[in-house]
Amino acid sequence: MHNYTIGSVVYVQSWLIKHYGIISGINELGELVVISNSKTMGCVTEEPLKNFSMGRQTVVAGYPGNCCSSYAIERARSQLGKKYDLFSDNCEHFVRWVYHLKPESPQLQFFSLLAGAFVISYLVARA
């Protein structure tokens, strides 16, 4: 069994992509709840862990910053309803912003570099 604590960052893997969220508490049904910026929901949302994971294994990634968990949850909840944007406000941007880190997406950077390398290889091969 996982050792989930409030404020810990979790993720689920879907193919090559990781979807990140933050454990935010326990709902009235006794279920763990996660806040994330969800492409599926189209915005920052708070939902049961089972909905967040959609049946996939959930991995605890720890705490990426130095702020306390209660403050992080307060910051996260202040963004509820904020629209999802792959390039500027995805789940990684959100989690990093909550923890006062530079809001960036290493996954997006990696795939952008990969796409750029592919295009350059294609153009060189055609030359």
N, C-alpha and C. Protein backbone atom coordinates (compact mmCIF):
# COMPACT_ATOMS: atom_id res chain seq x y z
N MET A 1 0.85 -1.19 0.00
CA MET A 1 0.00 0.00 0.00
C MET A 1 0.88 1.24 0.00
N HIS A 2 0.42 2.29 -0.65
CA HIS A 2 1.17 3.54 -0.73
C HIS A 2 1.07 4.29 0.59
N ASN A 3 2.08 5.11 0.83
CA ASN A 3 2.08 5.97 2.00
C ASN A 3 1.79 7.39 1.55
N TYR A 4 0.50 7.68 1.29
CA TYR A 4 0.10 9.00 0.83
C TYR A 4 0.03 9.96 2.01
N THR A 5 0.57 11.15 1.82
CA THR A 5 0.42 12.19 2.82
C THR A 5 -0.10 13.44 2.12
N ILE A 6 -0.86 14.22 2.85
CA ILE A 6 -1.41 15.45 2.28
C ILE A 6 -0.26 16.36 1.85
N GLY A 7 -0.37 16.84 0.63
CA GLY A 7 0.65 17.70 0.06
C GLY A 7 1.65 16.97 -0.81
N SER A 8 1.65 15.65 -0.76
CA SER A 8 2.62 14.93 -1.60
C SER A 8 2.17 14.95 -3.06
N VAL A 9 3.16 15.02 -3.92
CA VAL A 9 2.91 15.00 -5.36
C VAL A 9 2.83 13.55 -5.81
N VAL A 10 1.84 13.27 -6.62
CA VAL A 10 1.66 11.93 -7.17
C VAL A 10 1.53 12.03 -8.68
N TYR A 11 1.77 10.91 -9.34
CA TYR A 11 1.54 10.89 -10.79
C TYR A 11 1.09 9.51 -11.22
N VAL A 12 0.45 9.49 -12.39
CA VAL A 12 0.10 8.26 -13.07
C VAL A 12 0.72 8.33 -14.46
N GLN A 13 1.14 7.18 -14.94
CA GLN A 13 1.77 7.12 -16.26
C GLN A 13 0.78 6.58 -17.27
N SER A 14 0.70 7.26 -18.39
CA SER A 14 -0.13 6.81 -19.50
C SER A 14 0.75 6.85 -20.74
N TRP A 15 1.16 5.69 -21.20
CA TRP A 15 2.09 5.57 -22.29
C TRP A 15 3.37 6.29 -21.92
N LEU A 16 3.77 7.35 -22.60
CA LEU A 16 5.01 8.07 -22.29
C LEU A 16 4.80 9.29 -21.40
N ILE A 17 3.56 9.60 -21.11
CA ILE A 17 3.21 10.83 -20.41
C ILE A 17 2.88 10.55 -18.95
N LYS A 18 3.36 11.43 -18.06
CA LYS A 18 2.99 11.36 -16.65
C LYS A 18 2.02 12.50 -16.35
N HIS A 19 0.93 12.17 -15.65
CA HIS A 19 -0.04 13.18 -15.21
C HIS A 19 0.17 13.39 -13.72
N TYR A 20 0.47 14.65 -13.33
CA TYR A 20 0.81 14.99 -11.95
C TYR A 20 -0.34 15.65 -11.21
N GLY A 21 -0.39 15.41 -9.91
CA GLY A 21 -1.35 16.05 -9.04
C GLY A 21 -0.80 16.10 -7.62
N ILE A 22 -1.60 16.65 -6.71
CA ILE A 22 -1.19 16.80 -5.31
C ILE A 22 -2.28 16.22 -4.42
N ILE A 23 -1.90 15.34 -3.50
CA ILE A 23 -2.86 14.80 -2.53
C ILE A 23 -3.33 15.97 -1.66
N SER A 24 -4.65 16.21 -1.66
CA SER A 24 -5.16 17.40 -0.97
C SER A 24 -5.98 17.09 0.27
N GLY A 25 -6.33 15.85 0.51
CA GLY A 25 -7.10 15.54 1.70
C GLY A 25 -7.94 14.29 1.52
N ILE A 26 -8.98 14.23 2.33
CA ILE A 26 -9.91 13.11 2.31
C ILE A 26 -11.32 13.69 2.21
N ASN A 27 -12.12 13.15 1.30
CA ASN A 27 -13.48 13.67 1.13
C ASN A 27 -14.45 13.05 2.13
N GLU A 28 -15.72 13.42 2.02
CA GLU A 28 -16.75 12.96 2.97
C GLU A 28 -17.01 11.46 2.90
N LEU A 29 -16.54 10.81 1.82
CA LEU A 29 -16.69 9.36 1.69
C LEU A 29 -15.46 8.61 2.19
N GLY A 30 -14.48 9.36 2.71
CA GLY A 30 -13.25 8.76 3.21
C GLY A 30 -12.23 8.44 2.13
N GLU A 31 -12.42 9.01 0.94
CA GLU A 31 -11.51 8.76 -0.18
C GLU A 31 -10.42 9.83 -0.23
N LEU A 32 -9.21 9.43 -0.61
CA LEU A 32 -8.16 10.40 -0.86
C LEU A 32 -8.55 11.26 -2.05
N VAL A 33 -8.20 12.53 -1.99
CA VAL A 33 -8.55 13.49 -3.02
C VAL A 33 -7.27 14.12 -3.57
N VAL A 34 -7.28 14.39 -4.88
CA VAL A 34 -6.13 14.95 -5.59
C VAL A 34 -6.56 16.22 -6.32
N ILE A 35 -5.68 17.23 -6.29
CA ILE A 35 -5.87 18.43 -7.10
C ILE A 35 -4.88 18.36 -8.24
N SER A 36 -5.37 18.59 -9.45
CA SER A 36 -4.47 18.62 -10.61
C SER A 36 -5.05 19.53 -11.68
N ASN A 37 -4.21 19.91 -12.61
CA ASN A 37 -4.69 20.62 -13.79
C ASN A 37 -4.89 19.56 -14.85
N SER A 38 -6.12 19.21 -15.07
CA SER A 38 -6.48 18.04 -15.87
C SER A 38 -6.89 18.39 -17.29
N LYS A 39 -6.20 17.79 -18.25
CA LYS A 39 -6.61 17.96 -19.65
C LYS A 39 -8.01 17.38 -19.85
N THR A 40 -8.28 16.24 -19.22
CA THR A 40 -9.58 15.59 -19.36
C THR A 40 -10.71 16.48 -18.87
N MET A 41 -10.52 17.12 -17.71
CA MET A 41 -11.54 18.00 -17.13
C MET A 41 -11.48 19.41 -17.72
N GLY A 42 -10.34 19.78 -18.30
CA GLY A 42 -10.19 21.09 -18.93
C GLY A 42 -9.80 22.20 -18.00
N CYS A 43 -9.53 21.85 -16.73
CA CYS A 43 -9.19 22.89 -15.75
C CYS A 43 -8.58 22.25 -14.50
N VAL A 44 -8.18 23.11 -13.58
CA VAL A 44 -7.72 22.64 -12.27
C VAL A 44 -8.94 22.11 -11.54
N THR A 45 -8.83 20.88 -11.07
CA THR A 45 -9.95 20.22 -10.43
C THR A 45 -9.49 19.42 -9.23
N GLU A 46 -10.40 19.18 -8.31
CA GLU A 46 -10.14 18.35 -7.14
C GLU A 46 -11.07 17.15 -7.24
N GLU A 47 -10.50 15.95 -7.24
CA GLU A 47 -11.28 14.74 -7.46
C GLU A 47 -10.71 13.58 -6.67
N PRO A 48 -11.50 12.54 -6.46
CA PRO A 48 -10.98 11.36 -5.75
C PRO A 48 -9.78 10.76 -6.50
N LEU A 49 -8.86 10.20 -5.74
CA LEU A 49 -7.67 9.58 -6.31
C LEU A 49 -8.04 8.55 -7.37
N LYS A 50 -9.10 7.79 -7.13
CA LYS A 50 -9.48 6.75 -8.11
C LYS A 50 -9.88 7.37 -9.45
N ASN A 51 -10.46 8.56 -9.44
CA ASN A 51 -10.80 9.25 -10.70
C ASN A 51 -9.53 9.80 -11.36
N PHE A 52 -8.66 10.39 -10.54
CA PHE A 52 -7.39 10.93 -11.04
C PHE A 52 -6.57 9.84 -11.72
N SER A 53 -6.50 8.67 -11.10
CA SER A 53 -5.64 7.60 -11.62
C SER A 53 -6.29 6.81 -12.75
N MET A 54 -7.61 6.84 -12.86
CA MET A 54 -8.35 6.11 -13.89
C MET A 54 -7.88 4.65 -13.98
N GLY A 55 -7.68 4.04 -12.81
CA GLY A 55 -7.32 2.64 -12.75
C GLY A 55 -5.85 2.33 -12.92
N ARG A 56 -5.04 3.36 -13.15
CA ARG A 56 -3.60 3.14 -13.32
C ARG A 56 -2.89 3.24 -11.98
N GLN A 57 -1.69 2.68 -11.92
CA GLN A 57 -0.90 2.74 -10.70
C GLN A 57 -0.52 4.18 -10.39
N THR A 58 -0.70 4.58 -9.14
CA THR A 58 -0.33 5.92 -8.70
C THR A 58 1.02 5.86 -8.00
N VAL A 59 1.93 6.74 -8.38
CA VAL A 59 3.27 6.79 -7.82
C VAL A 59 3.43 8.07 -7.01
N VAL A 60 4.00 7.95 -5.82
CA VAL A 60 4.28 9.13 -4.99
C VAL A 60 5.63 9.69 -5.41
N ALA A 61 5.63 10.96 -5.81
CA ALA A 61 6.85 11.63 -6.26
C ALA A 61 7.49 12.46 -5.15
N GLY A 62 6.82 12.64 -4.01
CA GLY A 62 7.38 13.39 -2.90
C GLY A 62 6.95 14.84 -2.89
N TYR A 63 7.81 15.70 -2.32
CA TYR A 63 7.55 17.13 -2.22
C TYR A 63 8.62 17.87 -3.02
N PRO A 64 8.23 18.61 -4.06
CA PRO A 64 9.24 19.27 -4.89
C PRO A 64 9.75 20.59 -4.35
N GLY A 65 9.13 21.16 -3.36
CA GLY A 65 9.54 22.48 -2.87
C GLY A 65 9.70 22.50 -1.37
N ASN A 66 9.86 23.70 -0.84
CA ASN A 66 10.11 23.85 0.59
C ASN A 66 8.93 24.38 1.39
N CYS A 67 7.81 24.71 0.74
CA CYS A 67 6.69 25.25 1.50
C CYS A 67 5.93 24.12 2.19
N CYS A 68 5.24 24.45 3.27
CA CYS A 68 4.52 23.41 4.01
C CYS A 68 3.28 22.96 3.23
N SER A 69 2.86 21.75 3.52
CA SER A 69 1.78 21.15 2.75
C SER A 69 0.46 21.92 2.85
N SER A 70 0.14 22.45 4.03
CA SER A 70 -1.13 23.18 4.16
C SER A 70 -1.13 24.44 3.29
N TYR A 71 0.00 25.11 3.21
CA TYR A 71 0.11 26.28 2.35
C TYR A 71 0.02 25.87 0.88
N ALA A 72 0.67 24.77 0.52
CA ALA A 72 0.62 24.28 -0.86
C ALA A 72 -0.81 23.95 -1.26
N ILE A 73 -1.57 23.31 -0.38
CA ILE A 73 -2.96 22.96 -0.69
C ILE A 73 -3.79 24.23 -0.84
N GLU A 74 -3.54 25.21 0.01
CA GLU A 74 -4.26 26.49 -0.10
C GLU A 74 -3.98 27.14 -1.45
N ARG A 75 -2.72 27.14 -1.88
CA ARG A 75 -2.35 27.70 -3.19
C ARG A 75 -3.02 26.91 -4.31
N ALA A 76 -2.99 25.59 -4.19
CA ALA A 76 -3.59 24.74 -5.23
C ALA A 76 -5.09 25.02 -5.35
N ARG A 77 -5.78 25.07 -4.23
CA ARG A 77 -7.23 25.31 -4.25
C ARG A 77 -7.58 26.70 -4.79
N SER A 78 -6.66 27.63 -4.64
CA SER A 78 -6.93 28.98 -5.17
C SER A 78 -7.01 28.98 -6.70
N GLN A 79 -6.55 27.91 -7.32
CA GLN A 79 -6.54 27.82 -8.78
C GLN A 79 -7.68 26.95 -9.33
N LEU A 80 -8.54 26.42 -8.46
CA LEU A 80 -9.63 25.57 -8.93
C LEU A 80 -10.43 26.28 -10.02
N GLY A 81 -10.67 25.58 -11.13
CA GLY A 81 -11.40 26.15 -12.25
C GLY A 81 -10.53 26.82 -13.29
N LYS A 82 -9.25 27.05 -12.99
CA LYS A 82 -8.36 27.69 -13.97
C LYS A 82 -8.20 26.75 -15.16
N LYS A 83 -8.30 27.31 -16.35
CA LYS A 83 -8.28 26.52 -17.58
C LYS A 83 -6.93 25.84 -17.84
N TYR A 84 -7.02 24.64 -18.39
CA TYR A 84 -5.85 23.86 -18.79
C TYR A 84 -5.30 24.40 -20.11
N ASP A 85 -3.99 24.47 -20.21
CA ASP A 85 -3.33 24.82 -21.46
C ASP A 85 -2.04 24.00 -21.54
N LEU A 86 -1.92 23.18 -22.54
CA LEU A 86 -0.78 22.28 -22.68
C LEU A 86 0.55 23.02 -22.60
N PHE A 87 0.63 24.20 -23.22
CA PHE A 87 1.90 24.89 -23.35
C PHE A 87 2.23 25.85 -22.21
N SER A 88 1.25 26.28 -21.44
CA SER A 88 1.56 27.23 -20.37
C SER A 88 0.96 26.87 -19.01
N ASP A 89 -0.05 26.02 -18.98
CA ASP A 89 -0.70 25.66 -17.71
C ASP A 89 -1.13 24.20 -17.73
N ASN A 90 -0.16 23.28 -17.82
CA ASN A 90 -0.52 21.87 -17.74
C ASN A 90 -0.29 21.36 -16.31
N CYS A 91 -0.40 20.07 -16.10
CA CYS A 91 -0.31 19.53 -14.74
C CYS A 91 1.07 19.76 -14.12
N GLU A 92 2.14 19.70 -14.90
CA GLU A 92 3.47 19.96 -14.35
C GLU A 92 3.65 21.43 -13.99
N HIS A 93 3.23 22.33 -14.88
CA HIS A 93 3.29 23.76 -14.55
C HIS A 93 2.58 24.02 -13.23
N PHE A 94 1.39 23.44 -13.10
CA PHE A 94 0.56 23.66 -11.92
C PHE A 94 1.25 23.20 -10.64
N VAL A 95 1.73 21.96 -10.62
CA VAL A 95 2.37 21.41 -9.41
C VAL A 95 3.59 22.24 -9.04
N ARG A 96 4.39 22.59 -10.03
CA ARG A 96 5.60 23.38 -9.74
C ARG A 96 5.23 24.78 -9.23
N TRP A 97 4.21 25.40 -9.81
CA TRP A 97 3.77 26.71 -9.34
C TRP A 97 3.30 26.64 -7.89
N VAL A 98 2.52 25.61 -7.57
CA VAL A 98 2.01 25.45 -6.20
C VAL A 98 3.16 25.44 -5.20
N TYR A 99 4.26 24.80 -5.54
CA TYR A 99 5.41 24.68 -4.64
C TYR A 99 6.46 25.76 -4.84
N HIS A 100 6.08 26.88 -5.46
CA HIS A 100 6.97 28.03 -5.65
C HIS A 100 8.22 27.69 -6.46
N LEU A 101 8.08 26.76 -7.39
CA LEU A 101 9.15 26.46 -8.32
C LEU A 101 8.81 27.10 -9.67
N LYS A 102 9.80 27.21 -10.53
CA LYS A 102 9.56 27.77 -11.85
C LYS A 102 8.51 26.92 -12.56
N PRO A 103 7.38 27.53 -12.97
CA PRO A 103 6.32 26.75 -13.63
C PRO A 103 6.73 26.34 -15.04
N GLU A 104 7.30 25.17 -15.13
CA GLU A 104 7.74 24.64 -16.42
C GLU A 104 7.32 23.18 -16.51
N SER A 105 7.47 22.63 -17.70
CA SER A 105 7.07 21.25 -17.94
C SER A 105 8.22 20.50 -18.60
N PRO A 106 9.02 19.78 -17.81
CA PRO A 106 10.12 19.01 -18.40
C PRO A 106 9.65 18.03 -19.48
N GLN A 107 8.49 17.42 -19.30
CA GLN A 107 7.99 16.51 -20.33
C GLN A 107 7.73 17.25 -21.64
N LEU A 108 7.11 18.41 -21.56
CA LEU A 108 6.83 19.21 -22.75
C LEU A 108 8.14 19.64 -23.41
N GLN A 109 9.12 20.04 -22.61
CA GLN A 109 10.42 20.43 -23.15
C GLN A 109 11.07 19.26 -23.89
N PHE A 110 11.01 18.06 -23.29
CA PHE A 110 11.60 16.88 -23.90
C PHE A 110 10.94 16.57 -25.24
N PHE A 111 9.61 16.54 -25.26
CA PHE A 111 8.91 16.21 -26.49
C PHE A 111 9.07 17.29 -27.56
N SER A 112 9.22 18.54 -27.13
CA SER A 112 9.48 19.63 -28.09
C SER A 112 10.85 19.45 -28.73
N LEU A 113 11.86 19.10 -27.91
CA LEU A 113 13.19 18.85 -28.45
C LEU A 113 13.19 17.65 -29.39
N LEU A 114 12.47 16.62 -29.01
CA LEU A 114 12.37 15.42 -29.83
C LEU A 114 11.73 15.75 -31.18
N ALA A 115 10.66 16.52 -31.14
CA ALA A 115 9.99 16.92 -32.39
C ALA A 115 10.91 17.78 -33.24
N GLY A 116 11.64 18.70 -32.61
CA GLY A 116 12.59 19.54 -33.34
C GLY A 116 13.69 18.72 -33.99
N ALA A 117 14.21 17.74 -33.26
CA ALA A 117 15.26 16.86 -33.81
C ALA A 117 14.72 16.06 -34.99
N PHE A 118 13.49 15.62 -34.90
CA PHE A 118 12.87 14.88 -35.99
C PHE A 118 12.74 15.74 -37.24
N VAL A 119 12.28 16.97 -37.06
CA VAL A 119 12.12 17.88 -38.19
C VAL A 119 13.48 18.18 -38.83
N ILE A 120 14.49 18.44 -38.02
CA ILE A 120 15.83 18.72 -38.55
C ILE A 120 16.37 17.51 -39.31
N SER A 121 16.20 16.33 -38.73
CA SER A 121 16.64 15.09 -39.41
C SER A 121 15.94 14.90 -40.74
N TYR A 122 14.66 15.18 -40.75
CA TYR A 122 13.86 15.07 -41.98
C TYR A 122 14.36 16.05 -43.04
N LEU A 123 14.60 17.30 -42.62
CA LEU A 123 15.06 18.32 -43.58
C LEU A 123 16.45 18.01 -44.10
N VAL A 124 17.33 17.52 -43.24
CA VAL A 124 18.69 17.16 -43.66
C VAL A 124 18.62 15.98 -44.64
N ALA A 125 17.78 15.01 -44.36
CA ALA A 125 17.67 13.84 -45.23
C ALA A 125 17.12 14.21 -46.60
N ARG A 126 16.28 15.23 -46.66
CA ARG A 126 15.69 15.67 -47.95
C ARG A 126 16.65 16.54 -48.75
N ALA A 127 17.66 17.09 -48.08
CA ALA A 127 18.58 18.03 -48.76
C ALA A 127 19.54 17.34 -49.70
